[in-house]
C-alpha atoms as a PDB file:
ATOM      1  CA  MET A   1     -63.829  17.003-129.738  1.00  0.00           C
ATOM      2  CA  GLU A   2     -65.472  14.167-131.672  1.00  0.00           C
ATOM      3  CA  GLN A   3     -62.612  11.800-130.795  1.00  0.00           C
ATOM      4  CA  ILE A   4     -62.924  12.590-127.095  1.00  0.00           C
ATOM      5  CA  ILE A   5     -66.659  11.918-127.155  1.00  0.00           C
ATOM      6  CA  GLU A   6     -66.357   8.698-129.202  1.00  0.00           C
ATOM      7  CA  LYS A   7     -63.138   7.213-127.803  1.00  0.00           C
ATOM      8  CA  GLY A   8     -62.351   9.125-124.625  1.00  0.00           C
ATOM      9  CA  THR A   9     -58.982  10.241-126.025  1.00  0.00           C
ATOM     10  CA  VAL A  10     -57.521  12.220-128.903  1.00  0.00           C
ATOM     11  CA  THR A  11     -55.404  10.228-131.351  1.00  0.00           C
ATOM     12  CA  ARG A  12     -52.661  12.167-133.080  1.00  0.00           C
ATOM     13  CA  GLY A  13     -50.462  11.042-135.936  1.00  0.00           C
ATOM     14  CA  TRP A  14     -46.735  10.747-135.260  1.00  0.00           C
ATOM     15  CA  ILE A  15     -43.625   9.935-137.284  1.00  0.00           C
ATOM     16  CA  GLY A  16     -40.938  10.053-134.587  1.00  0.00           C
ATOM     17  CA  VAL A  17     -38.789  13.026-135.555  1.00  0.00           C
ATOM     18  CA  GLY A  18     -37.459  16.171-133.928  1.00  0.00           C
ATOM     19  CA  VAL A  19     -37.374  19.230-136.183  1.00  0.00           C
ATOM     20  CA  GLN A  20     -35.986  22.761-136.377  1.00  0.00           C
ATOM     21  CA  ASP A  21     -37.096  25.711-138.493  1.00  0.00           C
ATOM     22  CA  ILE A  22     -34.855  26.564-141.454  1.00  0.00           C
ATOM     23  CA  THR A  23     -33.544  30.104-141.154  1.00  0.00           C
ATOM     24  CA  THR A  24     -32.003  31.992-144.073  1.00  0.00           C
ATOM     25  CA  GLU A  25     -28.550  31.374-142.593  1.00  0.00           C
ATOM     26  CA  LEU A  26     -29.215  27.656-142.145  1.00  0.00           C
ATOM     27  CA  ALA A  27     -30.542  27.406-145.718  1.00  0.00           C
ATOM     28  CA  GLU A  28     -27.325  28.998-146.986  1.00  0.00           C
ATOM     29  CA  SER A  29     -25.111  26.660-144.941  1.00  0.00           C
ATOM     30  CA  LEU A  30     -27.072  23.620-146.196  1.00  0.00           C
ATOM     31  CA  LYS A  31     -26.937  24.982-149.779  1.00  0.00           C
ATOM     32  CA  LEU A  32     -30.738  25.010-150.018  1.00  0.00           C
ATOM     33  CA  PRO A  33     -32.392  27.133-152.723  1.00  0.00           C
ATOM     34  CA  ALA A  34     -34.721  28.760-150.158  1.00  0.00           C
ATOM     35  CA  ALA A  35     -35.485  28.835-146.424  1.00  0.00           C
ATOM     36  CA  GLY A  36     -38.390  26.390-146.607  1.00  0.00           C
ATOM     37  CA  GLY A  37     -39.123  23.113-144.909  1.00  0.00           C
ATOM     38  CA  VAL A  38     -37.796  21.896-141.584  1.00  0.00           C
ATOM     39  CA  LEU A  39     -34.485  20.316-140.621  1.00  0.00           C
ATOM     40  CA  ILE A  40     -34.714  16.815-139.152  1.00  0.00           C
ATOM     41  CA  THR A  41     -32.683  17.043-135.935  1.00  0.00           C
ATOM     42  CA  GLN A  42     -33.747  13.740-134.384  1.00  0.00           C
ATOM     43  CA  VAL A  43     -35.037  10.416-135.710  1.00  0.00           C
ATOM     44  CA  GLU A  44     -36.446   8.046-133.129  1.00  0.00           C
ATOM     45  CA  ARG A  45     -34.985   4.578-133.632  1.00  0.00           C
ATOM     46  CA  GLY A  46     -37.668   2.172-134.817  1.00  0.00           C
ATOM     47  CA  GLY A  47     -40.186   4.995-135.330  1.00  0.00           C
ATOM     48  CA  PRO A  48     -42.174   5.471-138.535  1.00  0.00           C
ATOM     49  CA  ALA A  49     -39.725   7.961-140.104  1.00  0.00           C
ATOM     50  CA  ASP A  50     -36.744   5.722-139.272  1.00  0.00           C
ATOM     51  CA  LYS A  51     -38.466   2.719-140.865  1.00  0.00           C
ATOM     52  CA  ALA A  52     -39.235   4.847-143.957  1.00  0.00           C
ATOM     53  CA  GLY A  53     -35.554   5.809-144.392  1.00  0.00           C
ATOM     54  CA  VAL A  54     -35.582   9.406-143.119  1.00  0.00           C
ATOM     55  CA  LYS A  55     -32.159  10.414-141.784  1.00  0.00           C
ATOM     56  CA  LEU A  56     -30.764  13.003-139.395  1.00  0.00           C
ATOM     57  CA  GLY A  57     -29.964  16.154-141.377  1.00  0.00           C
ATOM     58  CA  ASP A  58     -32.672  15.626-144.010  1.00  0.00           C
ATOM     59  CA  VAL A  59     -34.876  18.619-144.811  1.00  0.00           C
ATOM     60  CA  LEU A  60     -38.590  17.795-144.848  1.00  0.00           C
ATOM     61  CA  LEU A  61     -40.133  19.850-147.666  1.00  0.00           C
ATOM     62  CA  ALA A  62     -43.678  18.451-147.962  1.00  0.00           C
ATOM     63  CA  VAL A  63     -46.154  15.985-146.490  1.00  0.00           C
ATOM     64  CA  ASN A  64     -48.560  14.475-149.044  1.00  0.00           C
ATOM     65  CA  ASP A  65     -47.599  17.230-151.517  1.00  0.00           C
ATOM     66  CA  ARG A  66     -48.473  19.967-148.985  1.00  0.00           C
ATOM     67  CA  PRO A  67     -45.442  22.246-148.498  1.00  0.00           C
ATOM     68  CA  VAL A  68     -43.951  22.423-145.022  1.00  0.00           C
ATOM     69  CA  ALA A  69     -43.319  26.050-144.017  1.00  0.00           C
ATOM     70  CA  ASP A  70     -42.191  25.636-140.392  1.00  0.00           C
ATOM     71  CA  THR A  71     -42.112  23.253-137.422  1.00  0.00           C
ATOM     72  CA  THR A  72     -45.578  24.194-136.149  1.00  0.00           C
ATOM     73  CA  GLY A  73     -47.174  23.631-139.539  1.00  0.00           C
ATOM     74  CA  MET A  74     -45.363  20.319-139.997  1.00  0.00           C
ATOM     75  CA  LEU A  75     -46.363  19.043-136.561  1.00  0.00           C
ATOM     76  CA  ASN A  76     -49.990  20.018-137.190  1.00  0.00           C
ATOM     77  CA  MET A  77     -49.990  18.256-140.588  1.00  0.00           C
ATOM     78  CA  ILE A  78     -48.640  15.034-139.103  1.00  0.00           C
ATOM     79  CA  ALA A  79     -50.878  15.193-136.017  1.00  0.00           C
ATOM     80  CA  ALA A  80     -53.955  15.468-138.271  1.00  0.00           C
ATOM     81  CA  LEU A  81     -53.128  12.158-139.994  1.00  0.00           C
ATOM     82  CA  GLN A  82     -54.573   8.909-138.656  1.00  0.00           C
ATOM     83  CA  PRO A  83     -52.268   6.181-137.293  1.00  0.00           C
ATOM     84  CA  GLY A  84     -51.923   3.418-139.869  1.00  0.00           C
ATOM     85  CA  GLN A  85     -52.496   5.850-142.754  1.00  0.00           C
ATOM     86  CA  GLN A  86     -49.874   6.009-145.508  1.00  0.00           C
ATOM     87  CA  ALA A  87     -48.262   9.378-146.210  1.00  0.00           C
ATOM     88  CA  ARG A  88     -45.529  10.661-148.527  1.00  0.00           C
ATOM     89  CA  LEU A  89     -42.666  12.717-147.168  1.00  0.00           C
ATOM     90  CA  LYS A  90     -40.709  14.833-149.671  1.00  0.00           C
ATOM     91  CA  VAL A  91     -37.187  15.228-148.361  1.00  0.00           C
ATOM     92  CA  MET A  92     -34.059  17.064-149.509  1.00  0.00           C
ATOM     93  CA  ARG A  93     -30.843  15.131-148.850  1.00  0.00           C
ATOM     94  CA  ASN A  94     -27.478  16.195-150.266  1.00  0.00           C
ATOM     95  CA  GLN A  95     -29.136  18.698-152.649  1.00  0.00           C
ATOM     96  CA  SER A  96     -31.351  15.946-154.068  1.00  0.00           C
ATOM     97  CA  GLU A  97     -35.101  15.520-153.503  1.00  0.00           C
ATOM     98  CA  SER A  98     -36.581  12.125-152.642  1.00  0.00           C
ATOM     99  CA  GLU A  99     -39.974  10.848-151.530  1.00  0.00           C
ATOM    100  CA  PHE A 100     -40.391   8.390-148.695  1.00  0.00           C
ATOM    101  CA  PRO A 101     -43.627   6.505-148.031  1.00  0.00           C
ATOM    102  CA  VAL A 102     -44.287   6.368-144.294  1.00  0.00           C
ATOM    103  CA  THR A 103     -46.933   4.639-142.207  1.00  0.00           C
ATOM    104  CA  ILE A 104     -48.178   7.138-139.642  1.00  0.00           C
ATOM    105  CA  GLY A 105     -47.791   5.935-136.062  1.00  0.00           C
ATOM    106  CA  ARG A 106     -49.687   6.769-132.895  1.00  0.00           C
ATOM    107  CA  ARG A 107     -48.143   9.501-130.759  1.00  0.00           C
ATOM    108  CA  PRO A 108     -46.916   7.803-127.566  1.00  0.00           C
ATOM    109  CA  GLN A 109     -48.565   8.889-124.322  1.00  0.00           C
ATOM    110  CA  PRO A 110     -46.234  11.068-122.249  1.00  0.00           C
ATOM    111  CA  ALA A 111     -44.699   9.298-119.287  1.00  0.00           C
ATOM    112  CA  ARG A 112     -46.519  10.109-116.085  1.00  0.00           C
ATOM    113  CA  LYS A 113     -44.414  11.618-113.347  1.00  0.00           C
ATOM    114  CA  GLY A 114     -44.272   9.780-110.054  1.00  0.00           C
ATOM    115  CA  LYS A 115     -45.219   6.386-111.488  1.00  0.00           C
END
């Protein structure tokens, strides 16, 4: 509400990924110790996550040391961050955990239909 009053728009953080919840079955197939985090199913070329080194198939476990439980929680965590802010993404890749520093981007405006 404050952003709308001050700026006329709401600014949401964005890292340029598509994600999927990790089910028990998916965790087993990926050889994960538990069904936590979210699977990265899309990485937008040139987006913040791509520039940070996040890859398709990575499992995002935490954002700034806050555990990621599901896609909704992850999207809310990222959206709450300010564009230009630095964040740390904890990722599982090939049964090994890594941290990637990422500069939060600004969520692109959706394309308007008919224009």
